[in-house]
Amino acid sequence: MNNDKTWRKSTYSGAGNNCVELAVGRSTTSVRDSKRPGPRLTFGERPFRAFLTALRQT
């Protein structure tokens, strides 16, 4: 679990709470839905970059 990480969301997200939050650690980045903070995706550095690239292409 990522209890020791600080979860952050974009300042562009406003107060609607329909956001994706990130927690960045030394070797991993975790992503979760702000409405359902339990489930999360955790990536190493290279897979996270590939994830971002895929998002930008959609």
PDB file of N, CA and C in Angstrom:
ATOM      1  N   MET A   1       0.845  -1.180   0.000  1.00  0.00           N
ATOM      2  CA  MET A   1       0.000   0.000   0.000  1.00  0.00           C
ATOM      3  C   MET A   1       0.887   1.238   0.000  1.00  0.00           C
ATOM      4  N   ASN A   2       0.300   2.381  -0.333  1.00  0.00           N
ATOM      5  CA  ASN A   2       1.049   3.624  -0.441  1.00  0.00           C
ATOM      6  C   ASN A   2       0.662   4.608   0.649  1.00  0.00           C
ATOM      7  N   ASN A   3       0.526   4.137   1.861  1.00  0.00           N
ATOM      8  CA  ASN A   3       0.092   5.008   2.951  1.00  0.00           C
ATOM      9  C   ASN A   3       1.107   6.086   3.274  1.00  0.00           C
ATOM     10  N   ASP A   4       2.375   5.873   2.923  1.00  0.00           N
ATOM     11  CA  ASP A   4       3.405   6.840   3.246  1.00  0.00           C
ATOM     12  C   ASP A   4       3.555   7.916   2.178  1.00  0.00           C
ATOM     13  N   LYS A   5       2.799   7.842   1.107  1.00  0.00           N
ATOM     14  CA  LYS A   5       2.899   8.817   0.028  1.00  0.00           C
ATOM     15  C   LYS A   5       1.859   9.914   0.191  1.00  0.00           C
ATOM     16  N   THR A   6       2.197  11.074  -0.344  1.00  0.00           N
ATOM     17  CA  THR A   6       1.267  12.197  -0.363  1.00  0.00           C
ATOM     18  C   THR A   6       0.529  12.184  -1.695  1.00  0.00           C
ATOM     19  N   TRP A   7      -0.783  12.121  -1.620  1.00  0.00           N
ATOM     20  CA  TRP A   7      -1.617  12.114  -2.824  1.00  0.00           C
ATOM     21  C   TRP A   7      -1.892  13.543  -3.248  1.00  0.00           C
ATOM     22  N   ARG A   8      -1.757  13.811  -4.560  1.00  0.00           N
ATOM     23  CA  ARG A   8      -1.967  15.155  -5.098  1.00  0.00           C
ATOM     24  C   ARG A   8      -2.856  15.088  -6.323  1.00  0.00           C
ATOM     25  N   LYS A   9      -3.610  16.163  -6.510  1.00  0.00           N
ATOM     26  CA  LYS A   9      -4.408  16.280  -7.728  1.00  0.00           C
ATOM     27  C   LYS A   9      -4.121  17.625  -8.367  1.00  0.00           C
ATOM     28  N   SER A  10      -4.435  17.740  -9.620  1.00  0.00           N
ATOM     29  CA  SER A  10      -4.168  18.949 -10.377  1.00  0.00           C
ATOM     30  C   SER A  10      -4.975  20.123  -9.834  1.00  0.00           C
ATOM     31  N   THR A  11      -4.390  21.294  -9.887  1.00  0.00           N
ATOM     32  CA  THR A  11      -5.121  22.503  -9.503  1.00  0.00           C
ATOM     33  C   THR A  11      -6.213  22.827 -10.521  1.00  0.00           C
ATOM     34  N   TYR A  12      -6.151  22.230 -11.699  1.00  0.00           N
ATOM     35  CA  TYR A  12      -7.175  22.422 -12.727  1.00  0.00           C
ATOM     36  C   TYR A  12      -8.450  21.651 -12.419  1.00  0.00           C
ATOM     37  N   SER A  13      -8.408  20.752 -11.471  1.00  0.00           N
ATOM     38  CA  SER A  13      -9.545  19.873 -11.214  1.00  0.00           C
ATOM     39  C   SER A  13     -10.693  20.557 -10.479  1.00  0.00           C
ATOM     40  N   GLY A  14     -10.446  21.646  -9.810  1.00  0.00           N
ATOM     41  CA  GLY A  14     -11.505  22.367  -9.118  1.00  0.00           C
ATOM     42  C   GLY A  14     -12.045  21.613  -7.919  1.00  0.00           C
ATOM     43  N   ALA A  15     -13.260  21.949  -7.519  1.00  0.00           N
ATOM     44  CA  ALA A  15     -13.851  21.371  -6.311  1.00  0.00           C
ATOM     45  C   ALA A  15     -14.785  20.204  -6.609  1.00  0.00           C
ATOM     46  N   GLY A  16     -14.914  19.796  -7.868  1.00  0.00           N
ATOM     47  CA  GLY A  16     -15.845  18.739  -8.242  1.00  0.00           C
ATOM     48  C   GLY A  16     -15.483  17.364  -7.729  1.00  0.00           C
ATOM     49  N   ASN A  17     -14.241  17.160  -7.360  1.00  0.00           N
ATOM     50  CA  ASN A  17     -13.750  15.891  -6.821  1.00  0.00           C
ATOM     51  C   ASN A  17     -13.874  14.740  -7.818  1.00  0.00           C
ATOM     52  N   ASN A  18     -13.907  15.053  -9.109  1.00  0.00           N
ATOM     53  CA  ASN A  18     -13.898  14.034 -10.166  1.00  0.00           C
ATOM     54  C   ASN A  18     -12.511  14.032 -10.785  1.00  0.00           C
ATOM     55  N   CYS A  19     -11.544  13.590 -10.017  1.00  0.00           N
ATOM     56  CA  CYS A  19     -10.155  13.785 -10.388  1.00  0.00           C
ATOM     57  C   CYS A  19      -9.350  12.504 -10.307  1.00  0.00           C
ATOM     58  N   VAL A  20      -8.218  12.558 -10.960  1.00  0.00           N
ATOM     59  CA  VAL A  20      -7.201  11.532 -10.811  1.00  0.00           C
ATOM     60  C   VAL A  20      -6.145  12.108  -9.886  1.00  0.00           C
ATOM     61  N   GLU A  21      -5.730  11.334  -8.912  1.00  0.00           N
ATOM     62  CA  GLU A  21      -4.700  11.769  -7.977  1.00  0.00           C
ATOM     63  C   GLU A  21      -3.434  10.952  -8.203  1.00  0.00           C
ATOM     64  N   LEU A  22      -2.288  11.570  -7.954  1.00  0.00           N
ATOM     65  CA  LEU A  22      -0.991  10.917  -8.083  1.00  0.00           C
ATOM     66  C   LEU A  22      -0.259  10.927  -6.760  1.00  0.00           C
ATOM     67  N   ALA A  23       0.481   9.873  -6.514  1.00  0.00           N
ATOM     68  CA  ALA A  23       1.405   9.806  -5.384  1.00  0.00           C
ATOM     69  C   ALA A  23       2.736   9.336  -5.954  1.00  0.00           C
ATOM     70  N   VAL A  24       3.754  10.173  -5.840  1.00  0.00           N
ATOM     71  CA  VAL A  24       5.055   9.875  -6.424  1.00  0.00           C
ATOM     72  C   VAL A  24       6.015   9.444  -5.329  1.00  0.00           C
ATOM     73  N   GLY A  25       6.618   8.282  -5.522  1.00  0.00           N
ATOM     74  CA  GLY A  25       7.609   7.766  -4.589  1.00  0.00           C
ATOM     75  C   GLY A  25       8.976   7.730  -5.248  1.00  0.00           C
ATOM     76  N   ARG A  26       9.932   7.096  -4.595  1.00  0.00           N
ATOM     77  CA  ARG A  26      11.285   7.009  -5.151  1.00  0.00           C
ATOM     78  C   ARG A  26      11.323   6.249  -6.465  1.00  0.00           C
ATOM     79  N   SER A  27      10.657   5.122  -6.512  1.00  0.00           N
ATOM     80  CA  SER A  27      10.753   4.282  -7.704  1.00  0.00           C
ATOM     81  C   SER A  27       9.403   3.971  -8.338  1.00  0.00           C
ATOM     82  N   THR A  28       8.315   4.476  -7.769  1.00  0.00           N
ATOM     83  CA  THR A  28       6.989   4.204  -8.316  1.00  0.00           C
ATOM     84  C   THR A  28       6.121   5.456  -8.292  1.00  0.00           C
ATOM     85  N   THR A  29       5.129   5.454  -9.163  1.00  0.00           N
ATOM     86  CA  THR A  29       4.080   6.469  -9.166  1.00  0.00           C
ATOM     87  C   THR A  29       2.755   5.734  -9.119  1.00  0.00           C
ATOM     88  N   SER A  30       1.886   6.152  -8.211  1.00  0.00           N
ATOM     89  CA  SER A  30       0.572   5.529  -8.074  1.00  0.00           C
ATOM     90  C   SER A  30      -0.500   6.505  -8.528  1.00  0.00           C
ATOM     91  N   VAL A  31      -1.555   5.954  -9.118  1.00  0.00           N
ATOM     92  CA  VAL A  31      -2.671   6.733  -9.651  1.00  0.00           C
ATOM     93  C   VAL A  31      -3.952   6.169  -9.064  1.00  0.00           C
ATOM     94  N   ARG A  32      -4.864   7.055  -8.653  1.00  0.00           N
ATOM     95  CA  ARG A  32      -6.153   6.604  -8.130  1.00  0.00           C
ATOM     96  C   ARG A  32      -7.236   7.623  -8.469  1.00  0.00           C
ATOM     97  N   ASP A  33      -8.473   7.209  -8.336  1.00  0.00           N
ATOM     98  CA  ASP A  33      -9.647   8.054  -8.530  1.00  0.00           C
ATOM     99  C   ASP A  33      -9.936   8.756  -7.208  1.00  0.00           C
ATOM    100  N   SER A  34     -10.128  10.058  -7.237  1.00  0.00           N
ATOM    101  CA  SER A  34     -10.370  10.798  -5.995  1.00  0.00           C
ATOM    102  C   SER A  34     -11.686  10.408  -5.331  1.00  0.00           C
ATOM    103  N   LYS A  35     -12.645   9.913  -6.111  1.00  0.00           N
ATOM    104  CA  LYS A  35     -13.933   9.506  -5.534  1.00  0.00           C
ATOM    105  C   LYS A  35     -13.859   8.132  -4.880  1.00  0.00           C
ATOM    106  N   ARG A  36     -12.940   7.294  -5.344  1.00  0.00           N
ATOM    107  CA  ARG A  36     -12.781   5.934  -4.817  1.00  0.00           C
ATOM    108  C   ARG A  36     -11.299   5.709  -4.529  1.00  0.00           C
ATOM    109  N   PRO A  37     -10.785   6.223  -3.438  1.00  0.00           N
ATOM    110  CA  PRO A  37      -9.345   6.206  -3.195  1.00  0.00           C
ATOM    111  C   PRO A  37      -8.746   4.843  -2.868  1.00  0.00           C
ATOM    112  N   GLY A  38      -9.557   3.816  -2.718  1.00  0.00           N
ATOM    113  CA  GLY A  38      -9.009   2.498  -2.382  1.00  0.00           C
ATOM    114  C   GLY A  38      -8.211   1.872  -3.509  1.00  0.00           C
ATOM    115  N   PRO A  39      -8.841   1.560  -4.661  1.00  0.00           N
ATOM    116  CA  PRO A  39      -8.097   0.940  -5.758  1.00  0.00           C
ATOM    117  C   PRO A  39      -7.104   1.924  -6.370  1.00  0.00           C
ATOM    118  N   ARG A  40      -5.951   1.416  -6.761  1.00  0.00           N
ATOM    119  CA  ARG A  40      -4.941   2.279  -7.379  1.00  0.00           C
ATOM    120  C   ARG A  40      -4.111   1.478  -8.357  1.00  0.00           C
ATOM    121  N   LEU A  41      -3.510   2.185  -9.277  1.00  0.00           N
ATOM    122  CA  LEU A  41      -2.551   1.601 -10.206  1.00  0.00           C
ATOM    123  C   LEU A  41      -1.178   2.103  -9.792  1.00  0.00           C
ATOM    124  N   THR A  42      -0.198   1.213  -9.740  1.00  0.00           N
ATOM    125  CA  THR A  42       1.156   1.604  -9.370  1.00  0.00           C
ATOM    126  C   THR A  42       2.103   1.196 -10.489  1.00  0.00           C
ATOM    127  N   PHE A  43       2.923   2.154 -10.916  1.00  0.00           N
ATOM    128  CA  PHE A  43       3.828   1.965 -12.042  1.00  0.00           C
ATOM    129  C   PHE A  43       5.264   2.250 -11.630  1.00  0.00           C
ATOM    130  N   GLY A  44       6.197   1.534 -12.246  1.00  0.00           N
ATOM    131  CA  GLY A  44       7.599   1.914 -12.197  1.00  0.00           C
ATOM    132  C   GLY A  44       7.794   3.090 -13.143  1.00  0.00           C
ATOM    133  N   GLU A  45       9.017   3.629 -13.211  1.00  0.00           N
ATOM    134  CA  GLU A  45       9.260   4.833 -14.008  1.00  0.00           C
ATOM    135  C   GLU A  45       8.959   4.630 -15.496  1.00  0.00           C
ATOM    136  N   ARG A  46       9.516   3.611 -16.105  1.00  0.00           N
ATOM    137  CA  ARG A  46       9.287   3.397 -17.540  1.00  0.00           C
ATOM    138  C   ARG A  46       7.834   3.071 -17.863  1.00  0.00           C
ATOM    139  N   PRO A  47       7.196   2.166 -17.133  1.00  0.00           N
ATOM    140  CA  PRO A  47       5.778   1.913 -17.422  1.00  0.00           C
ATOM    141  C   PRO A  47       4.897   3.154 -17.229  1.00  0.00           C
ATOM    142  N   PHE A  48       5.240   4.020 -16.264  1.00  0.00           N
ATOM    143  CA  PHE A  48       4.444   5.228 -16.062  1.00  0.00           C
ATOM    144  C   PHE A  48       4.591   6.169 -17.254  1.00  0.00           C
ATOM    145  N   ARG A  49       5.802   6.293 -17.769  1.00  0.00           N
ATOM    146  CA  ARG A  49       5.998   7.123 -18.968  1.00  0.00           C
ATOM    147  C   ARG A  49       5.208   6.571 -20.149  1.00  0.00           C
ATOM    148  N   ALA A  50       5.199   5.253 -20.298  1.00  0.00           N
ATOM    149  CA  ALA A  50       4.422   4.627 -21.373  1.00  0.00           C
ATOM    150  C   ALA A  50       2.923   4.871 -21.166  1.00  0.00           C
ATOM    151  N   PHE A  51       2.466   4.815 -19.921  1.00  0.00           N
ATOM    152  CA  PHE A  51       1.068   5.093 -19.581  1.00  0.00           C
ATOM    153  C   PHE A  51       0.699   6.520 -19.987  1.00  0.00           C
ATOM    154  N   LEU A  52       1.540   7.489 -19.653  1.00  0.00           N
ATOM    155  CA  LEU A  52       1.273   8.884 -20.022  1.00  0.00           C
ATOM    156  C   LEU A  52       1.265   9.066 -21.534  1.00  0.00           C
ATOM    157  N   THR A  53       2.193   8.425 -22.216  1.00  0.00           N
ATOM    158  CA  THR A  53       2.238   8.505 -23.676  1.00  0.00           C
ATOM    159  C   THR A  53       0.954   7.962 -24.281  1.00  0.00           C
ATOM    160  N   ALA A  54       0.484   6.837 -23.776  1.00  0.00           N
ATOM    161  CA  ALA A  54      -0.761   6.249 -24.276  1.00  0.00           C
ATOM    162  C   ALA A  54      -1.947   7.174 -24.026  1.00  0.00           C
ATOM    163  N   LEU A  55      -1.986   7.828 -22.876  1.00  0.00           N
ATOM    164  CA  LEU A  55      -3.081   8.757 -22.582  1.00  0.00           C
ATOM    165  C   LEU A  55      -3.071   9.946 -23.532  1.00  0.00           C
ATOM    166  N   ARG A  56      -1.895  10.435 -23.843  1.00  0.00           N
ATOM    167  CA  ARG A  56      -1.786  11.589 -24.737  1.00  0.00           C
ATOM    168  C   ARG A  56      -2.213  11.251 -26.157  1.00  0.00           C
ATOM    169  N   GLN A  57      -2.105   9.984 -26.534  1.00  0.00           N
ATOM    170  CA  GLN A  57      -2.443   9.567 -27.892  1.00  0.00           C
ATOM    171  C   GLN A  57      -3.931   9.295 -28.072  1.00  0.00           C
ATOM    172  N   THR A  58      -4.698   9.303 -26.985  1.00  0.00           N
ATOM    173  CA  THR A  58      -6.129   9.020 -27.092  1.00  0.00           C
ATOM    174  C   THR A  58      -6.929  10.293 -27.204  1.00  0.00           C
TER     175      THR A  58
END
